[in-house]
Amino acid sequence: MSTDNEPLTPGEARAREARTWRELWIGLAVMAVVVVLLILVVMEMRYRDSLDDPRPSAALDESMTALMSDLGPLPGDADTIELATRRDGGARYQVVIRDDDGERLFSMARGVETTGAIEHGRRAGEPINYRIELSLADDGSVTGAYRPDRGVPVERYRDVAAAVLRQALVAWHAHASHPLPSGDETSPQTIQEGWDAVMDETRASGH
C-alpha cells in the first residue's frame, strides 16, 4: 500500500475490491433485514387493530333478528342500535337507539355486575368487550357488525348481548307507554318555597 492507502499491486487491488464488495453486501443484507422486520411489525399492528373492528356475522344477525321479532314493533322510527362497553365511571354496557338521521331516540346503560361479565379465566369479572352496530330493516330483519371478544365463548358473548338489548327494548317500550311529564322552568325562589313547604308539612305531621 502507498502512503495514501492506495493499492500498489494487482493483489492488493483485488483484496481491497473484495473487501469493498463484502462490506456492500453486508450493508445490503442488514438493510433488507431491517425492512423485513419493519414490514412484519406494521402487519402485526394492523392485524391487532383489525381485531377490534366490528365484523359482519350471519349467525349473530339471526339471533338479533329473533330478538327484534319478539319485541317488535319498536315504538319509534328506529334505524340503528348500538351496544358498546363503557369503562368511564364504572364498567357498563350502553345501548343507544337512533333514527335514520342519527338522532338519539333512546339510550340505556346497565352495570356489568348486574348484567353479565366474563365468568372464567384471568379476565373473570371483567366486562365483555362489545361494539355492536345493528341496522334494522323494514321487514324486521337485522344486519350487524360485531366486535369480537376472543377471550369469551361466542355463546356467552351472544347471550349477554341479547339480554342487554332485551332489557333496553323493554325499557323503551315502557318509556314510550308511560312517558315522564315534561318539567316547566321554575325559579330558584319557587323551588326553595316548595321544598320548605314539604319539609314543614313533614315536621308538622310528627315524622
N, C-alpha and C. Protein backbone atom coordinates (compact mmCIF):
# COMPACT_ATOMS: atom_id res chain seq x y z
N MET A 1 0.84 -1.20 0.00
CA MET A 1 0.00 0.00 0.00
C MET A 1 0.88 1.25 0.00
N SER A 2 0.41 2.29 -0.65
CA SER A 2 1.13 3.55 -0.67
C SER A 2 0.85 4.32 0.61
N THR A 3 1.53 5.45 0.73
CA THR A 3 1.29 6.28 1.92
C THR A 3 -0.12 6.83 1.94
N ASP A 4 -0.79 6.88 0.78
CA ASP A 4 -2.19 7.34 0.70
C ASP A 4 -3.17 6.18 0.85
N ASN A 5 -2.67 5.03 1.28
CA ASN A 5 -3.50 3.84 1.48
C ASN A 5 -4.11 3.35 0.17
N GLU A 6 -3.42 3.58 -0.94
CA GLU A 6 -3.87 3.10 -2.23
C GLU A 6 -3.10 1.83 -2.57
N PRO A 7 -3.77 0.84 -3.19
CA PRO A 7 -3.08 -0.41 -3.54
C PRO A 7 -1.99 -0.17 -4.59
N LEU A 8 -0.85 -0.87 -4.42
CA LEU A 8 0.26 -0.73 -5.33
C LEU A 8 0.40 -1.92 -6.26
N THR A 9 -0.22 -3.04 -5.89
CA THR A 9 -0.11 -4.24 -6.71
C THR A 9 -1.49 -4.74 -7.06
N PRO A 10 -1.58 -5.55 -8.16
CA PRO A 10 -2.89 -6.12 -8.51
C PRO A 10 -3.50 -6.94 -7.37
N GLY A 11 -2.70 -7.65 -6.59
CA GLY A 11 -3.21 -8.44 -5.47
C GLY A 11 -3.87 -7.56 -4.42
N GLU A 12 -3.18 -6.46 -4.09
CA GLU A 12 -3.74 -5.53 -3.11
C GLU A 12 -5.04 -4.92 -3.63
N ALA A 13 -5.09 -4.63 -4.95
CA ALA A 13 -6.31 -4.06 -5.53
C ALA A 13 -7.46 -5.05 -5.45
N ARG A 14 -7.15 -6.33 -5.79
CA ARG A 14 -8.21 -7.34 -5.71
C ARG A 14 -8.69 -7.53 -4.29
N ALA A 15 -7.76 -7.52 -3.32
CA ALA A 15 -8.15 -7.68 -1.91
C ALA A 15 -9.02 -6.52 -1.45
N ARG A 16 -8.63 -5.32 -1.88
CA ARG A 16 -9.44 -4.15 -1.48
C ARG A 16 -10.83 -4.20 -2.12
N GLU A 17 -10.86 -4.61 -3.40
CA GLU A 17 -12.15 -4.70 -4.08
C GLU A 17 -13.04 -5.76 -3.42
N ALA A 18 -12.45 -6.87 -3.05
CA ALA A 18 -13.23 -7.93 -2.39
C ALA A 18 -13.78 -7.45 -1.05
N ARG A 19 -12.94 -6.72 -0.30
CA ARG A 19 -13.39 -6.20 0.98
C ARG A 19 -14.53 -5.18 0.78
N THR A 20 -14.41 -4.36 -0.23
CA THR A 20 -15.45 -3.37 -0.51
C THR A 20 -16.77 -4.05 -0.86
N TRP A 21 -16.68 -5.06 -1.74
CA TRP A 21 -17.91 -5.79 -2.11
C TRP A 21 -18.52 -6.51 -0.90
N ARG A 22 -17.65 -7.07 -0.04
CA ARG A 22 -18.14 -7.77 1.15
C ARG A 22 -18.88 -6.80 2.07
N GLU A 23 -18.30 -5.62 2.28
CA GLU A 23 -18.95 -4.62 3.13
C GLU A 23 -20.27 -4.14 2.51
N LEU A 24 -20.28 -4.02 1.17
CA LEU A 24 -21.51 -3.60 0.49
C LEU A 24 -22.61 -4.63 0.66
N TRP A 25 -22.29 -5.91 0.47
CA TRP A 25 -23.31 -6.96 0.61
C TRP A 25 -23.80 -7.09 2.05
N ILE A 26 -22.88 -6.92 2.99
CA ILE A 26 -23.30 -6.97 4.41
C ILE A 26 -24.27 -5.82 4.70
N GLY A 27 -23.92 -4.63 4.18
CA GLY A 27 -24.80 -3.49 4.39
C GLY A 27 -26.17 -3.70 3.76
N LEU A 28 -26.20 -4.25 2.53
CA LEU A 28 -27.48 -4.53 1.87
C LEU A 28 -28.28 -5.58 2.64
N ALA A 29 -27.59 -6.59 3.16
CA ALA A 29 -28.28 -7.62 3.92
C ALA A 29 -28.91 -7.05 5.20
N VAL A 30 -28.15 -6.19 5.89
CA VAL A 30 -28.68 -5.56 7.10
C VAL A 30 -29.89 -4.70 6.77
N MET A 31 -29.81 -3.94 5.68
CA MET A 31 -30.95 -3.10 5.27
C MET A 31 -32.16 -3.96 4.94
N ALA A 32 -31.93 -5.09 4.25
CA ALA A 32 -33.04 -5.98 3.90
C ALA A 32 -33.70 -6.55 5.15
N VAL A 33 -32.90 -6.94 6.14
CA VAL A 33 -33.45 -7.48 7.38
C VAL A 33 -34.27 -6.42 8.10
N VAL A 34 -33.75 -5.19 8.15
CA VAL A 34 -34.48 -4.10 8.82
C VAL A 34 -35.80 -3.84 8.13
N VAL A 35 -35.80 -3.82 6.78
CA VAL A 35 -37.04 -3.58 6.03
C VAL A 35 -38.05 -4.69 6.29
N VAL A 36 -37.60 -5.94 6.27
CA VAL A 36 -38.49 -7.06 6.52
C VAL A 36 -39.08 -6.98 7.93
N LEU A 37 -38.26 -6.66 8.92
CA LEU A 37 -38.74 -6.54 10.29
C LEU A 37 -39.77 -5.41 10.41
N LEU A 38 -39.52 -4.28 9.75
CA LEU A 38 -40.48 -3.18 9.78
C LEU A 38 -41.81 -3.60 9.16
N ILE A 39 -41.74 -4.32 8.04
CA ILE A 39 -42.97 -4.79 7.39
C ILE A 39 -43.74 -5.72 8.32
N LEU A 40 -43.04 -6.62 8.99
CA LEU A 40 -43.69 -7.55 9.91
C LEU A 40 -44.34 -6.82 11.08
N VAL A 41 -43.64 -5.82 11.62
CA VAL A 41 -44.19 -5.05 12.74
C VAL A 41 -45.45 -4.31 12.31
N VAL A 42 -45.41 -3.67 11.14
CA VAL A 42 -46.58 -2.93 10.65
C VAL A 42 -47.75 -3.88 10.40
N MET A 43 -47.46 -5.04 9.79
CA MET A 43 -48.53 -6.01 9.53
C MET A 43 -49.14 -6.52 10.84
N GLU A 44 -48.30 -6.75 11.85
CA GLU A 44 -48.81 -7.22 13.13
C GLU A 44 -49.68 -6.16 13.80
N MET A 45 -49.24 -4.89 13.71
CA MET A 45 -50.03 -3.81 14.30
C MET A 45 -51.37 -3.68 13.60
N ARG A 46 -51.37 -3.77 12.28
CA ARG A 46 -52.63 -3.68 11.54
C ARG A 46 -53.54 -4.86 11.86
N TYR A 47 -52.94 -6.03 12.01
CA TYR A 47 -53.75 -7.21 12.34
C TYR A 47 -54.38 -7.05 13.71
N ARG A 48 -53.62 -6.59 14.68
CA ARG A 48 -54.17 -6.42 16.02
C ARG A 48 -55.24 -5.34 16.05
N ASP A 49 -55.02 -4.26 15.29
CA ASP A 49 -56.04 -3.22 15.22
C ASP A 49 -57.32 -3.75 14.58
N SER A 50 -57.17 -4.60 13.59
CA SER A 50 -58.36 -5.12 12.90
C SER A 50 -59.18 -6.04 13.79
N LEU A 51 -58.57 -6.61 14.82
CA LEU A 51 -59.32 -7.48 15.73
C LEU A 51 -60.38 -6.70 16.49
N ASP A 52 -60.17 -5.39 16.65
CA ASP A 52 -61.12 -4.56 17.38
C ASP A 52 -62.23 -4.00 16.48
N ASP A 53 -62.10 -4.18 15.18
CA ASP A 53 -63.10 -3.64 14.26
C ASP A 53 -64.33 -4.55 14.23
N PRO A 54 -65.52 -3.95 14.25
CA PRO A 54 -66.74 -4.77 14.11
C PRO A 54 -66.75 -5.50 12.78
N ARG A 55 -67.26 -6.75 12.81
CA ARG A 55 -67.29 -7.57 11.60
C ARG A 55 -68.69 -8.15 11.41
N PRO A 56 -69.07 -8.38 10.16
CA PRO A 56 -70.38 -9.00 9.91
C PRO A 56 -70.42 -10.43 10.44
N SER A 57 -71.62 -10.87 10.83
CA SER A 57 -71.82 -12.25 11.28
C SER A 57 -73.27 -12.63 11.04
N ALA A 58 -73.48 -13.56 10.11
CA ALA A 58 -74.84 -14.00 9.80
C ALA A 58 -75.46 -14.73 10.99
N ALA A 59 -74.63 -15.48 11.74
CA ALA A 59 -75.16 -16.23 12.88
C ALA A 59 -75.66 -15.30 13.97
N LEU A 60 -74.91 -14.24 14.27
CA LEU A 60 -75.35 -13.29 15.27
C LEU A 60 -76.53 -12.45 14.76
N ASP A 61 -76.55 -12.16 13.46
CA ASP A 61 -77.70 -11.46 12.88
C ASP A 61 -78.98 -12.26 13.11
N GLU A 62 -78.90 -13.56 12.97
CA GLU A 62 -80.08 -14.41 13.16
C GLU A 62 -80.61 -14.30 14.59
N SER A 63 -79.71 -14.28 15.57
CA SER A 63 -80.13 -14.15 16.97
C SER A 63 -80.78 -12.80 17.21
N MET A 64 -80.19 -11.74 16.67
CA MET A 64 -80.73 -10.40 16.88
C MET A 64 -82.06 -10.21 16.16
N THR A 65 -82.22 -10.82 14.99
CA THR A 65 -83.49 -10.74 14.27
C THR A 65 -84.60 -11.41 15.07
N ALA A 66 -84.29 -12.56 15.69
CA ALA A 66 -85.27 -13.24 16.52
C ALA A 66 -85.65 -12.38 17.72
N LEU A 67 -84.68 -11.70 18.29
CA LEU A 67 -84.96 -10.81 19.43
C LEU A 67 -85.87 -9.67 19.01
N MET A 68 -85.59 -9.04 17.88
CA MET A 68 -86.43 -7.95 17.40
C MET A 68 -87.84 -8.44 17.09
N SER A 69 -87.94 -9.66 16.59
CA SER A 69 -89.25 -10.22 16.29
C SER A 69 -90.08 -10.40 17.55
N ASP A 70 -89.42 -10.79 18.64
CA ASP A 70 -90.13 -10.98 19.91
C ASP A 70 -90.63 -9.67 20.49
N LEU A 71 -89.86 -8.59 20.30
CA LEU A 71 -90.16 -7.33 20.98
C LEU A 71 -90.67 -6.24 20.02
N GLY A 72 -90.84 -6.57 18.77
CA GLY A 72 -91.33 -5.58 17.81
C GLY A 72 -92.84 -5.50 17.81
N PRO A 73 -93.38 -4.47 17.15
CA PRO A 73 -92.63 -3.37 16.52
C PRO A 73 -92.12 -2.38 17.56
N LEU A 74 -91.02 -1.73 17.24
CA LEU A 74 -90.44 -0.77 18.16
C LEU A 74 -91.24 0.53 18.15
N PRO A 75 -91.21 1.27 19.25
CA PRO A 75 -92.08 2.45 19.37
C PRO A 75 -91.81 3.56 18.37
N GLY A 76 -90.57 3.83 18.04
CA GLY A 76 -90.26 4.98 17.20
C GLY A 76 -89.73 4.57 15.85
N ASP A 77 -89.13 5.52 15.18
CA ASP A 77 -88.56 5.28 13.86
C ASP A 77 -87.12 4.80 14.00
N ALA A 78 -86.95 3.70 14.68
CA ALA A 78 -85.60 3.20 14.95
C ALA A 78 -84.96 2.72 13.65
N ASP A 79 -83.72 3.10 13.46
CA ASP A 79 -82.98 2.68 12.27
C ASP A 79 -81.73 1.90 12.63
N THR A 80 -81.06 2.31 13.69
CA THR A 80 -79.84 1.63 14.12
C THR A 80 -79.84 1.48 15.64
N ILE A 81 -79.17 0.44 16.09
CA ILE A 81 -78.98 0.21 17.53
C ILE A 81 -77.50 -0.05 17.76
N GLU A 82 -76.94 0.63 18.74
CA GLU A 82 -75.54 0.47 19.07
C GLU A 82 -75.42 -0.07 20.50
N LEU A 83 -74.57 -1.05 20.68
CA LEU A 83 -74.27 -1.57 22.01
C LEU A 83 -72.76 -1.50 22.19
N ALA A 84 -72.33 -0.87 23.26
CA ALA A 84 -70.89 -0.69 23.48
C ALA A 84 -70.56 -0.86 24.95
N THR A 85 -69.35 -1.29 25.21
CA THR A 85 -68.84 -1.39 26.58
C THR A 85 -68.17 -0.08 26.95
N ARG A 86 -68.59 0.50 28.06
CA ARG A 86 -68.01 1.75 28.56
C ARG A 86 -67.31 1.47 29.88
N ARG A 87 -66.19 2.13 30.09
CA ARG A 87 -65.42 1.94 31.33
C ARG A 87 -65.23 3.22 32.12
N ASP A 88 -65.66 4.34 31.57
CA ASP A 88 -65.53 5.59 32.30
C ASP A 88 -66.60 5.66 33.38
N GLY A 89 -66.18 5.87 34.61
CA GLY A 89 -67.14 5.94 35.71
C GLY A 89 -67.71 4.59 36.10
N GLY A 90 -67.01 3.52 35.83
CA GLY A 90 -67.50 2.19 36.16
C GLY A 90 -67.90 1.43 34.91
N ALA A 91 -67.57 0.15 34.87
CA ALA A 91 -67.85 -0.65 33.68
C ALA A 91 -69.35 -0.84 33.51
N ARG A 92 -69.81 -0.64 32.28
CA ARG A 92 -71.23 -0.81 31.99
C ARG A 92 -71.42 -1.07 30.50
N TYR A 93 -72.60 -1.59 30.18
CA TYR A 93 -72.98 -1.78 28.80
C TYR A 93 -74.00 -0.71 28.43
N GLN A 94 -73.76 -0.01 27.35
CA GLN A 94 -74.65 1.07 26.94
C GLN A 94 -75.31 0.73 25.60
N VAL A 95 -76.61 0.98 25.54
CA VAL A 95 -77.38 0.77 24.31
C VAL A 95 -77.93 2.13 23.87
N VAL A 96 -77.72 2.45 22.60
CA VAL A 96 -78.23 3.69 22.03
C VAL A 96 -79.04 3.34 20.78
N ILE A 97 -80.27 3.84 20.72
CA ILE A 97 -81.15 3.62 19.57
C ILE A 97 -81.28 4.94 18.82
N ARG A 98 -81.06 4.92 17.51
CA ARG A 98 -81.09 6.13 16.70
C ARG A 98 -82.05 5.97 15.53
N ASP A 99 -82.52 7.12 15.01
CA ASP A 99 -83.34 7.09 13.81
C ASP A 99 -82.44 7.21 12.59
N ASP A 100 -83.05 7.30 11.39
CA ASP A 100 -82.23 7.31 10.17
C ASP A 100 -81.47 8.61 9.97
N ASP A 101 -81.77 9.62 10.78
CA ASP A 101 -80.99 10.87 10.74
C ASP A 101 -79.87 10.87 11.76
N GLY A 102 -79.76 9.79 12.51
CA GLY A 102 -78.72 9.71 13.53
C GLY A 102 -79.10 10.32 14.86
N GLU A 103 -80.35 10.80 14.97
CA GLU A 103 -80.80 11.38 16.23
C GLU A 103 -81.07 10.28 17.25
N ARG A 104 -80.69 10.55 18.48
CA ARG A 104 -80.88 9.57 19.55
C ARG A 104 -82.34 9.52 19.97
N LEU A 105 -82.92 8.33 19.88
CA LEU A 105 -84.30 8.13 20.31
C LEU A 105 -84.39 7.64 21.75
N PHE A 106 -83.43 6.81 22.14
CA PHE A 106 -83.47 6.23 23.49
C PHE A 106 -82.08 5.71 23.81
N SER A 107 -81.70 5.77 25.06
CA SER A 107 -80.43 5.18 25.49
C SER A 107 -80.59 4.62 26.89
N MET A 108 -79.83 3.60 27.17
CA MET A 108 -79.86 2.97 28.48
C MET A 108 -78.51 2.35 28.77
N ALA A 109 -78.09 2.39 30.00
CA ALA A 109 -76.83 1.76 30.41
C ALA A 109 -77.10 0.84 31.59
N ARG A 110 -76.45 -0.31 31.60
CA ARG A 110 -76.59 -1.26 32.69
C ARG A 110 -75.21 -1.63 33.21
N GLY A 111 -75.10 -1.72 34.54
CA GLY A 111 -73.85 -2.13 35.15
C GLY A 111 -73.49 -3.56 34.80
N VAL A 112 -72.22 -3.78 34.56
CA VAL A 112 -71.76 -5.12 34.17
C VAL A 112 -72.07 -6.14 35.24
N GLU A 113 -71.91 -5.75 36.51
CA GLU A 113 -72.10 -6.72 37.59
C GLU A 113 -73.54 -7.21 37.69
N THR A 114 -74.50 -6.44 37.19
CA THR A 114 -75.91 -6.87 37.26
C THR A 114 -76.39 -7.44 35.94
N THR A 115 -75.55 -7.44 34.93
CA THR A 115 -75.99 -7.88 33.61
C THR A 115 -75.25 -9.12 33.14
N GLY A 116 -73.95 -9.10 33.22
CA GLY A 116 -73.19 -10.26 32.78
C GLY A 116 -71.76 -9.90 32.48
N ALA A 117 -70.84 -10.60 33.10
CA ALA A 117 -69.41 -10.34 32.89
C ALA A 117 -68.75 -11.64 32.45
N ILE A 118 -67.45 -11.57 32.26
CA ILE A 118 -66.67 -12.77 31.94
C ILE A 118 -66.62 -13.64 33.20
N GLU A 119 -66.89 -14.91 33.05
CA GLU A 119 -67.06 -15.78 34.22
C GLU A 119 -65.82 -16.57 34.59
N HIS A 120 -64.94 -16.82 33.63
CA HIS A 120 -63.80 -17.71 33.90
C HIS A 120 -62.52 -17.12 33.32
N GLY A 121 -61.39 -17.65 33.79
CA GLY A 121 -60.09 -17.24 33.26
C GLY A 121 -59.53 -16.02 33.95
N ARG A 122 -58.44 -15.53 33.39
CA ARG A 122 -57.73 -14.40 34.02
C ARG A 122 -58.52 -13.11 33.95
N ARG A 123 -59.53 -13.04 33.07
CA ARG A 123 -60.36 -11.84 32.96
C ARG A 123 -61.70 -11.99 33.68
N ALA A 124 -61.81 -12.98 34.53
CA ALA A 124 -63.08 -13.21 35.22
C ALA A 124 -63.52 -11.97 35.99
N GLY A 125 -64.79 -11.60 35.82
CA GLY A 125 -65.32 -10.42 36.47
C GLY A 125 -65.23 -9.16 35.65
N GLU A 126 -64.45 -9.19 34.58
CA GLU A 126 -64.33 -8.02 33.73
C GLU A 126 -65.47 -7.98 32.71
N PRO A 127 -65.74 -6.81 32.13
CA PRO A 127 -66.80 -6.73 31.12
C PRO A 127 -66.39 -7.39 29.81
N ILE A 128 -67.37 -7.85 29.08
CA ILE A 128 -67.14 -8.33 27.72
C ILE A 128 -66.95 -7.10 26.82
N ASN A 129 -66.01 -7.19 25.91
CA ASN A 129 -65.74 -6.06 25.02
C ASN A 129 -66.75 -6.05 23.87
N TYR A 130 -67.68 -5.12 23.95
CA TYR A 130 -68.71 -5.00 22.92
C TYR A 130 -68.53 -3.74 22.10
N ARG A 131 -68.73 -3.84 20.82
CA ARG A 131 -69.02 -2.72 19.94
C ARG A 131 -69.87 -3.30 18.82
N ILE A 132 -71.17 -3.23 19.01
CA ILE A 132 -72.11 -3.83 18.08
C ILE A 132 -72.89 -2.70 17.41
N GLU A 133 -72.99 -2.79 16.09
CA GLU A 133 -73.73 -1.80 15.31
C GLU A 133 -74.77 -2.55 14.47
N LEU A 134 -76.05 -2.38 14.83
CA LEU A 134 -77.14 -3.09 14.16
C LEU A 134 -77.93 -2.14 13.27
N SER A 135 -78.23 -2.59 12.07
CA SER A 135 -79.09 -1.84 11.16
C SER A 135 -80.41 -2.61 11.03
N LEU A 136 -81.52 -1.88 11.20
CA LEU A 136 -82.84 -2.51 11.21
C LEU A 136 -83.52 -2.29 9.87
N ALA A 137 -84.02 -3.35 9.28
CA ALA A 137 -84.75 -3.25 8.01
C ALA A 137 -86.24 -3.17 8.28
N ASP A 138 -86.99 -2.72 7.27
CA ASP A 138 -88.43 -2.56 7.43
C ASP A 138 -89.14 -3.89 7.66
N ASP A 139 -88.57 -4.98 7.15
CA ASP A 139 -89.20 -6.29 7.33
C ASP A 139 -88.86 -6.94 8.66
N GLY A 140 -88.15 -6.22 9.53
CA GLY A 140 -87.80 -6.75 10.84
C GLY A 140 -86.47 -7.48 10.91
N SER A 141 -85.82 -7.65 9.79
CA SER A 141 -84.53 -8.33 9.79
C SER A 141 -83.43 -7.39 10.27
N VAL A 142 -82.35 -7.97 10.71
CA VAL A 142 -81.24 -7.21 11.29
C VAL A 142 -79.96 -7.60 10.60
N THR A 143 -79.17 -6.62 10.23
CA THR A 143 -77.80 -6.86 9.77
C THR A 143 -76.87 -6.06 10.69
N GLY A 144 -75.80 -6.69 11.10
CA GLY A 144 -74.96 -6.03 12.09
C GLY A 144 -73.49 -6.25 11.87
N ALA A 145 -72.71 -5.48 12.60
CA ALA A 145 -71.27 -5.64 12.67
C ALA A 145 -70.92 -5.79 14.14
N TYR A 146 -70.06 -6.74 14.46
CA TYR A 146 -69.81 -7.13 15.85
C TYR A 146 -68.31 -7.14 16.10
N ARG A 147 -67.92 -6.48 17.18
CA ARG A 147 -66.51 -6.53 17.60
C ARG A 147 -66.29 -7.83 18.36
N PRO A 148 -65.45 -8.74 17.86
CA PRO A 148 -65.24 -10.00 18.57
C PRO A 148 -64.47 -9.77 19.87
N ASP A 149 -64.81 -10.54 20.88
CA ASP A 149 -64.01 -10.61 22.11
C ASP A 149 -63.51 -12.04 22.20
N ARG A 150 -62.27 -12.25 21.81
CA ARG A 150 -61.76 -13.61 21.69
C ARG A 150 -61.40 -14.23 23.04
N GLY A 151 -61.64 -13.50 24.12
CA GLY A 151 -61.46 -14.07 25.45
C GLY A 151 -62.75 -14.63 26.02
N VAL A 152 -63.82 -14.62 25.21
CA VAL A 152 -65.15 -15.05 25.68
C VAL A 152 -65.73 -16.02 24.66
N PRO A 153 -66.32 -17.13 25.11
CA PRO A 153 -67.01 -18.01 24.15
C PRO A 153 -68.11 -17.24 23.43
N VAL A 154 -68.29 -17.56 22.16
CA VAL A 154 -69.25 -16.81 21.36
C VAL A 154 -70.67 -16.94 21.92
N GLU A 155 -70.97 -18.09 22.56
CA GLU A 155 -72.30 -18.27 23.14
C GLU A 155 -72.53 -17.28 24.27
N ARG A 156 -71.51 -17.07 25.11
CA ARG A 156 -71.62 -16.11 26.21
C ARG A 156 -71.73 -14.69 25.66
N TYR A 157 -70.94 -14.38 24.66
CA TYR A 157 -70.98 -13.08 24.00
C TYR A 157 -72.39 -12.80 23.49
N ARG A 158 -72.97 -13.78 22.80
CA ARG A 158 -74.31 -13.62 22.21
C ARG A 158 -75.37 -13.48 23.29
N ASP A 159 -75.31 -14.32 24.32
CA ASP A 159 -76.36 -14.34 25.34
C ASP A 159 -76.39 -13.04 26.15
N VAL A 160 -75.22 -12.55 26.54
CA VAL A 160 -75.19 -11.31 27.31
C VAL A 160 -75.65 -10.14 26.45
N ALA A 161 -75.20 -10.09 25.19
CA ALA A 161 -75.63 -9.02 24.29
C ALA A 161 -77.14 -9.05 24.11
N ALA A 162 -77.71 -10.24 23.92
CA ALA A 162 -79.16 -10.36 23.75
C ALA A 162 -79.90 -9.92 25.00
N ALA A 163 -79.37 -10.26 26.18
CA ALA A 163 -80.01 -9.86 27.43
C ALA A 163 -79.99 -8.35 27.60
N VAL A 164 -78.85 -7.73 27.28
CA VAL A 164 -78.74 -6.27 27.40
C VAL A 164 -79.70 -5.59 26.43
N LEU A 165 -79.75 -6.07 25.20
CA LEU A 165 -80.64 -5.46 24.21
C LEU A 165 -82.10 -5.67 24.59
N ARG A 166 -82.42 -6.86 25.10
CA ARG A 166 -83.81 -7.12 25.51
C ARG A 166 -84.22 -6.15 26.63
N GLN A 167 -83.36 -5.96 27.62
CA GLN A 167 -83.67 -5.03 28.71
C GLN A 167 -83.86 -3.61 28.18
N ALA A 168 -83.02 -3.21 27.22
CA ALA A 168 -83.13 -1.86 26.67
C ALA A 168 -84.43 -1.69 25.90
N LEU A 169 -84.80 -2.68 25.11
CA LEU A 169 -86.02 -2.56 24.31
C LEU A 169 -87.26 -2.59 25.19
N VAL A 170 -87.26 -3.43 26.23
CA VAL A 170 -88.38 -3.45 27.16
C VAL A 170 -88.51 -2.09 27.85
N ALA A 171 -87.36 -1.53 28.26
CA ALA A 171 -87.38 -0.22 28.91
C ALA A 171 -87.89 0.85 27.95
N TRP A 172 -87.53 0.73 26.67
CA TRP A 172 -88.01 1.72 25.70
C TRP A 172 -89.52 1.62 25.49
N HIS A 173 -90.03 0.40 25.42
CA HIS A 173 -91.48 0.21 25.32
C HIS A 173 -92.18 0.85 26.53
N ALA A 174 -91.62 0.61 27.73
CA ALA A 174 -92.23 1.18 28.94
C ALA A 174 -92.15 2.71 28.93
N HIS A 175 -91.04 3.22 28.48
CA HIS A 175 -90.87 4.67 28.42
C HIS A 175 -91.87 5.28 27.42
N ALA A 176 -92.05 4.62 26.28
CA ALA A 176 -92.98 5.13 25.27
C ALA A 176 -94.42 5.04 25.75
N SER A 177 -94.74 4.02 26.54
CA SER A 177 -96.10 3.85 27.03
C SER A 177 -96.41 4.77 28.19
N HIS A 178 -95.41 5.07 29.00
CA HIS A 178 -95.61 5.91 30.18
C HIS A 178 -94.52 6.98 30.24
N PRO A 179 -94.58 7.95 29.34
CA PRO A 179 -93.52 8.97 29.33
C PRO A 179 -93.59 9.84 30.57
N LEU A 180 -92.43 10.29 31.00
CA LEU A 180 -92.38 11.21 32.13
C LEU A 180 -92.91 12.58 31.70
N PRO A 181 -93.64 13.26 32.57
CA PRO A 181 -94.13 14.60 32.20
C PRO A 181 -92.96 15.56 32.04
N SER A 182 -93.08 16.43 31.06
CA SER A 182 -92.02 17.42 30.86
C SER A 182 -92.11 18.49 31.94
N GLY A 183 -90.99 18.89 32.47
CA GLY A 183 -90.97 19.88 33.54
C GLY A 183 -90.88 21.30 33.00
N ASP A 184 -91.63 22.20 33.63
CA ASP A 184 -91.55 23.61 33.27
C ASP A 184 -90.43 24.27 34.06
N GLU A 185 -89.86 25.31 33.47
CA GLU A 185 -88.78 26.01 34.15
C GLU A 185 -89.35 26.74 35.38
N THR A 186 -88.68 26.58 36.50
CA THR A 186 -89.14 27.16 37.77
C THR A 186 -88.03 28.00 38.36
N SER A 187 -88.41 29.11 38.93
CA SER A 187 -87.41 30.00 39.52
C SER A 187 -86.83 29.36 40.78
N PRO A 188 -85.57 29.68 41.12
CA PRO A 188 -84.97 29.14 42.35
C PRO A 188 -85.79 29.46 43.59
N GLN A 189 -86.41 30.64 43.64
CA GLN A 189 -87.20 31.01 44.82
C GLN A 189 -88.41 30.10 44.96
N THR A 190 -89.09 29.82 43.85
CA THR A 190 -90.26 28.93 43.89
C THR A 190 -89.85 27.53 44.30
N ILE A 191 -88.71 27.07 43.79
CA ILE A 191 -88.21 25.74 44.17
C ILE A 191 -87.96 25.69 45.67
N GLN A 192 -87.29 26.70 46.21
CA GLN A 192 -86.99 26.74 47.63
C GLN A 192 -88.26 26.77 48.46
N GLU A 193 -89.24 27.55 48.04
CA GLU A 193 -90.50 27.63 48.76
C GLU A 193 -91.23 26.29 48.75
N GLY A 194 -91.16 25.60 47.62
CA GLY A 194 -91.81 24.29 47.54
C GLY A 194 -91.19 23.29 48.50
N TRP A 195 -89.85 23.28 48.56
CA TRP A 195 -89.17 22.36 49.47
C TRP A 195 -89.44 22.74 50.93
N ASP A 196 -89.45 24.02 51.23
CA ASP A 196 -89.74 24.45 52.59
C ASP A 196 -91.13 24.01 53.02
N ALA A 197 -92.10 24.11 52.12
CA ALA A 197 -93.47 23.71 52.45
C ALA A 197 -93.55 22.22 52.71
N VAL A 198 -92.86 21.42 51.89
CA VAL A 198 -92.87 19.97 52.08
C VAL A 198 -92.21 19.60 53.40
N MET A 199 -91.07 20.21 53.70
CA MET A 199 -90.37 19.90 54.94
C MET A 199 -91.18 20.34 56.17
N ASP A 200 -91.82 21.50 56.07
CA ASP A 200 -92.65 21.97 57.19
C ASP A 200 -93.81 21.03 57.42
N GLU A 201 -94.40 20.52 56.33
CA GLU A 201 -95.53 19.61 56.46
C GLU A 201 -95.09 18.31 57.12
N THR A 202 -93.88 17.86 56.75
CA THR A 202 -93.35 16.62 57.34
C THR A 202 -93.13 16.81 58.85
N ARG A 203 -92.55 17.95 59.23
CA ARG A 203 -92.31 18.19 60.65
C ARG A 203 -93.62 18.33 61.41
N ALA A 204 -94.60 18.98 60.79
CA ALA A 204 -95.89 19.17 61.45
C ALA A 204 -96.61 17.85 61.69
N SER A 205 -96.40 16.89 60.80
CA SER A 205 -97.07 15.61 60.95
C SER A 205 -96.40 14.72 61.98
N GLY A 206 -95.24 15.14 62.47
CA GLY A 206 -94.55 14.40 63.52
C GLY A 206 -93.59 13.36 63.01
N HIS A 207 -93.32 13.30 61.72
CA HIS A 207 -92.37 12.32 61.18
C HIS A 207 -90.97 12.87 61.20
